[in-house]
Amino acid sequence: MKKSTKKTAKQNKGTKAAKAAATPKGATKPKAERKPAADAKPKRVSALDAAAQVLQKSGQAMRAQEMIAAMSEAGLWSSPNGKTPHATLYAAILREINAKGKDARFRKIERGKFEFAA
């Protein structure tokens, strides 16, 4: 003889299907139950943005390692435990130059040196 697998209303109470059936389709949570806006945290400055600020303030061409040092001294950006942040910054600057062309914030002066292009 087979046992019945149907659940009673009490057993169904905690399941997802029961919860979905209990709330109307277009209903939203009351304001008190909603999550707070994500604007509470200040937005971090990216390495590219910080490098652009450093180059703009200095007014001269710099290498990636020099930019990393200047960014950390100014407190704009610090590497999150990366071993070669200068290589990452160099590659990111080249990607921006290739993608945006004349609209890029950086201009390559010579091998390994960039300046602010504004």
C-alpha atoms as a PDB file:
ATOM      1  CA  MET A   1       0.000   0.000   0.000  1.00  0.00           C
ATOM      2  CA  LYS A   2       1.365   3.465  -0.994  1.00  0.00           C
ATOM      3  CA  LYS A   3       1.479   6.367   1.394  1.00  0.00           C
ATOM      4  CA  SER A   4      -0.089   9.616   0.310  1.00  0.00           C
ATOM      5  CA  THR A   5       2.492  12.333  -0.460  1.00  0.00           C
ATOM      6  CA  LYS A   6       0.091  15.245  -0.253  1.00  0.00           C
ATOM      7  CA  LYS A   7       0.980  17.753   2.443  1.00  0.00           C
ATOM      8  CA  THR A   8      -1.512  19.432   4.655  1.00  0.00           C
ATOM      9  CA  ALA A   9      -1.866  23.220   4.819  1.00  0.00           C
ATOM     10  CA  LYS A  10       0.159  23.268   8.050  1.00  0.00           C
ATOM     11  CA  GLN A  11       3.068  21.398   6.458  1.00  0.00           C
ATOM     12  CA  ASN A  12       2.989  23.671   3.387  1.00  0.00           C
ATOM     13  CA  LYS A  13       3.174  26.857   5.440  1.00  0.00           C
ATOM     14  CA  GLY A  14       6.974  27.378   5.256  1.00  0.00           C
ATOM     15  CA  THR A  15       7.571  26.450   1.607  1.00  0.00           C
ATOM     16  CA  LYS A  16       8.273  28.906  -1.203  1.00  0.00           C
ATOM     17  CA  ALA A  17       5.181  27.833  -3.108  1.00  0.00           C
ATOM     18  CA  ALA A  18       2.982  28.530  -0.108  1.00  0.00           C
ATOM     19  CA  LYS A  19       4.556  31.966   0.399  1.00  0.00           C
ATOM     20  CA  ALA A  20       4.134  32.832  -3.279  1.00  0.00           C
ATOM     21  CA  ALA A  21       0.514  31.800  -3.193  1.00  0.00           C
ATOM     22  CA  ALA A  22      -0.091  33.859  -0.053  1.00  0.00           C
ATOM     23  CA  THR A  23       1.082  37.188  -1.574  1.00  0.00           C
ATOM     24  CA  PRO A  24      -0.756  38.771  -4.484  1.00  0.00           C
ATOM     25  CA  LYS A  25       1.174  38.958  -7.742  1.00  0.00           C
ATOM     26  CA  GLY A  26       1.665  42.759  -8.038  1.00  0.00           C
ATOM     27  CA  ALA A  27       2.143  43.455  -4.331  1.00  0.00           C
ATOM     28  CA  THR A  28       5.319  45.056  -2.988  1.00  0.00           C
ATOM     29  CA  LYS A  29       6.754  45.110   0.491  1.00  0.00           C
ATOM     30  CA  PRO A  30       5.876  48.027   2.758  1.00  0.00           C
ATOM     31  CA  LYS A  31       8.534  50.753   3.028  1.00  0.00           C
ATOM     32  CA  ALA A  32       9.587  49.602   6.498  1.00  0.00           C
ATOM     33  CA  GLU A  33      10.586  46.167   5.148  1.00  0.00           C
ATOM     34  CA  ARG A  34      12.538  47.365   2.095  1.00  0.00           C
ATOM     35  CA  LYS A  35      16.320  47.434   2.092  1.00  0.00           C
ATOM     36  CA  PRO A  36      17.951  50.857   2.517  1.00  0.00           C
ATOM     37  CA  ALA A  37      19.441  52.514  -0.557  1.00  0.00           C
ATOM     38  CA  ALA A  38      23.008  51.577  -1.469  1.00  0.00           C
ATOM     39  CA  ASP A  39      24.012  55.264  -1.504  1.00  0.00           C
ATOM     40  CA  ALA A  40      25.165  55.027   2.107  1.00  0.00           C
ATOM     41  CA  LYS A  41      28.728  54.029   1.119  1.00  0.00           C
ATOM     42  CA  PRO A  42      30.993  56.596  -0.552  1.00  0.00           C
ATOM     43  CA  LYS A  43      32.045  55.507  -4.013  1.00  0.00           C
ATOM     44  CA  ARG A  44      35.692  54.456  -4.309  1.00  0.00           C
ATOM     45  CA  VAL A  45      37.911  56.188  -6.834  1.00  0.00           C
ATOM     46  CA  SER A  46      39.249  53.843  -9.505  1.00  0.00           C
ATOM     47  CA  ALA A  47      42.936  53.625 -10.341  1.00  0.00           C
ATOM     48  CA  LEU A  48      42.309  55.216 -13.754  1.00  0.00           C
ATOM     49  CA  ASP A  49      40.427  58.159 -12.253  1.00  0.00           C
ATOM     50  CA  ALA A  50      43.123  58.664  -9.638  1.00  0.00           C
ATOM     51  CA  ALA A  51      45.854  58.485 -12.289  1.00  0.00           C
ATOM     52  CA  ALA A  52      44.045  61.094 -14.372  1.00  0.00           C
ATOM     53  CA  GLN A  53      43.831  63.389 -11.327  1.00  0.00           C
ATOM     54  CA  VAL A  54      47.530  62.941 -10.531  1.00  0.00           C
ATOM     55  CA  LEU A  55      48.599  63.643 -14.116  1.00  0.00           C
ATOM     56  CA  GLN A  56      46.343  66.676 -14.320  1.00  0.00           C
ATOM     57  CA  LYS A  57      47.709  68.152 -11.077  1.00  0.00           C
ATOM     58  CA  SER A  58      51.364  67.482 -11.918  1.00  0.00           C
ATOM     59  CA  GLY A  59      51.157  68.811 -15.467  1.00  0.00           C
ATOM     60  CA  GLN A  60      53.982  66.565 -16.654  1.00  0.00           C
ATOM     61  CA  ALA A  61      54.324  63.110 -18.188  1.00  0.00           C
ATOM     62  CA  MET A  62      54.791  60.215 -15.780  1.00  0.00           C
ATOM     63  CA  ARG A  63      55.427  56.484 -15.801  1.00  0.00           C
ATOM     64  CA  ALA A  64      52.938  54.035 -14.284  1.00  0.00           C
ATOM     65  CA  GLN A  65      55.081  53.385 -11.198  1.00  0.00           C
ATOM     66  CA  GLU A  66      55.430  57.115 -10.584  1.00  0.00           C
ATOM     67  CA  MET A  67      51.667  57.526 -10.875  1.00  0.00           C
ATOM     68  CA  ILE A  68      51.059  54.687  -8.377  1.00  0.00           C
ATOM     69  CA  ALA A  69      53.449  56.326  -5.889  1.00  0.00           C
ATOM     70  CA  ALA A  70      51.849  59.760  -6.347  1.00  0.00           C
ATOM     71  CA  MET A  71      48.341  58.326  -5.988  1.00  0.00           C
ATOM     72  CA  SER A  72      49.192  56.625  -2.690  1.00  0.00           C
ATOM     73  CA  GLU A  73      50.967  59.748  -1.363  1.00  0.00           C
ATOM     74  CA  ALA A  74      47.935  61.882  -2.175  1.00  0.00           C
ATOM     75  CA  GLY A  75      45.618  59.293  -0.602  1.00  0.00           C
ATOM     76  CA  LEU A  76      43.583  58.914  -3.785  1.00  0.00           C
ATOM     77  CA  TRP A  77      44.099  55.198  -4.350  1.00  0.00           C
ATOM     78  CA  SER A  78      46.108  52.341  -2.915  1.00  0.00           C
ATOM     79  CA  SER A  79      46.565  48.843  -4.258  1.00  0.00           C
ATOM     80  CA  PRO A  80      44.429  46.172  -2.603  1.00  0.00           C
ATOM     81  CA  ASN A  81      47.413  43.828  -1.985  1.00  0.00           C
ATOM     82  CA  GLY A  82      48.357  43.544  -5.658  1.00  0.00           C
ATOM     83  CA  LYS A  83      51.920  42.645  -6.563  1.00  0.00           C
ATOM     84  CA  THR A  84      52.114  44.688  -9.781  1.00  0.00           C
ATOM     85  CA  PRO A  85      49.619  47.574  -9.649  1.00  0.00           C
ATOM     86  CA  HIS A  86      51.785  49.576 -12.061  1.00  0.00           C
ATOM     87  CA  ALA A  87      51.372  46.893 -14.758  1.00  0.00           C
ATOM     88  CA  THR A  88      47.602  46.852 -14.233  1.00  0.00           C
ATOM     89  CA  LEU A  89      47.434  50.643 -14.458  1.00  0.00           C
ATOM     90  CA  TYR A  90      49.622  50.669 -17.579  1.00  0.00           C
ATOM     91  CA  ALA A  91      47.348  48.135 -19.298  1.00  0.00           C
ATOM     92  CA  ALA A  92      44.203  50.018 -18.262  1.00  0.00           C
ATOM     93  CA  ILE A  93      45.562  53.298 -19.647  1.00  0.00           C
ATOM     94  CA  LEU A  94      46.438  51.621 -22.958  1.00  0.00           C
ATOM     95  CA  ARG A  95      42.944  50.079 -23.124  1.00  0.00           C
ATOM     96  CA  GLU A  96      41.355  53.488 -22.630  1.00  0.00           C
ATOM     97  CA  ILE A  97      43.562  55.071 -25.306  1.00  0.00           C
ATOM     98  CA  ASN A  98      42.720  52.298 -27.784  1.00  0.00           C
ATOM     99  CA  ALA A  99      39.006  52.320 -27.003  1.00  0.00           C
ATOM    100  CA  LYS A 100      38.370  56.076 -26.883  1.00  0.00           C
ATOM    101  CA  GLY A 101      41.043  57.322 -29.265  1.00  0.00           C
ATOM    102  CA  LYS A 102      41.181  61.129 -29.246  1.00  0.00           C
ATOM    103  CA  ASP A 103      38.564  61.311 -26.464  1.00  0.00           C
ATOM    104  CA  ALA A 104      40.807  59.442 -23.992  1.00  0.00           C
ATOM    105  CA  ARG A 105      42.013  61.203 -20.841  1.00  0.00           C
ATOM    106  CA  PHE A 106      45.581  60.019 -21.438  1.00  0.00           C
ATOM    107  CA  ARG A 107      48.110  60.518 -24.218  1.00  0.00           C
ATOM    108  CA  LYS A 108      51.184  58.341 -24.704  1.00  0.00           C
ATOM    109  CA  ILE A 109      54.273  60.542 -25.039  1.00  0.00           C
ATOM    110  CA  GLU A 110      57.022  57.957 -25.302  1.00  0.00           C
ATOM    111  CA  ARG A 111      57.549  54.360 -24.297  1.00  0.00           C
ATOM    112  CA  GLY A 112      56.017  53.961 -20.837  1.00  0.00           C
ATOM    113  CA  LYS A 113      55.211  57.658 -20.308  1.00  0.00           C
ATOM    114  CA  PHE A 114      51.762  59.191 -20.329  1.00  0.00           C
ATOM    115  CA  GLU A 115      50.393  62.682 -19.918  1.00  0.00           C
ATOM    116  CA  PHE A 116      46.946  64.118 -19.240  1.00  0.00           C
ATOM    117  CA  ALA A 117      45.235  64.914 -22.537  1.00  0.00           C
ATOM    118  CA  ALA A 118      42.796  67.744 -21.922  1.00  0.00           C
END
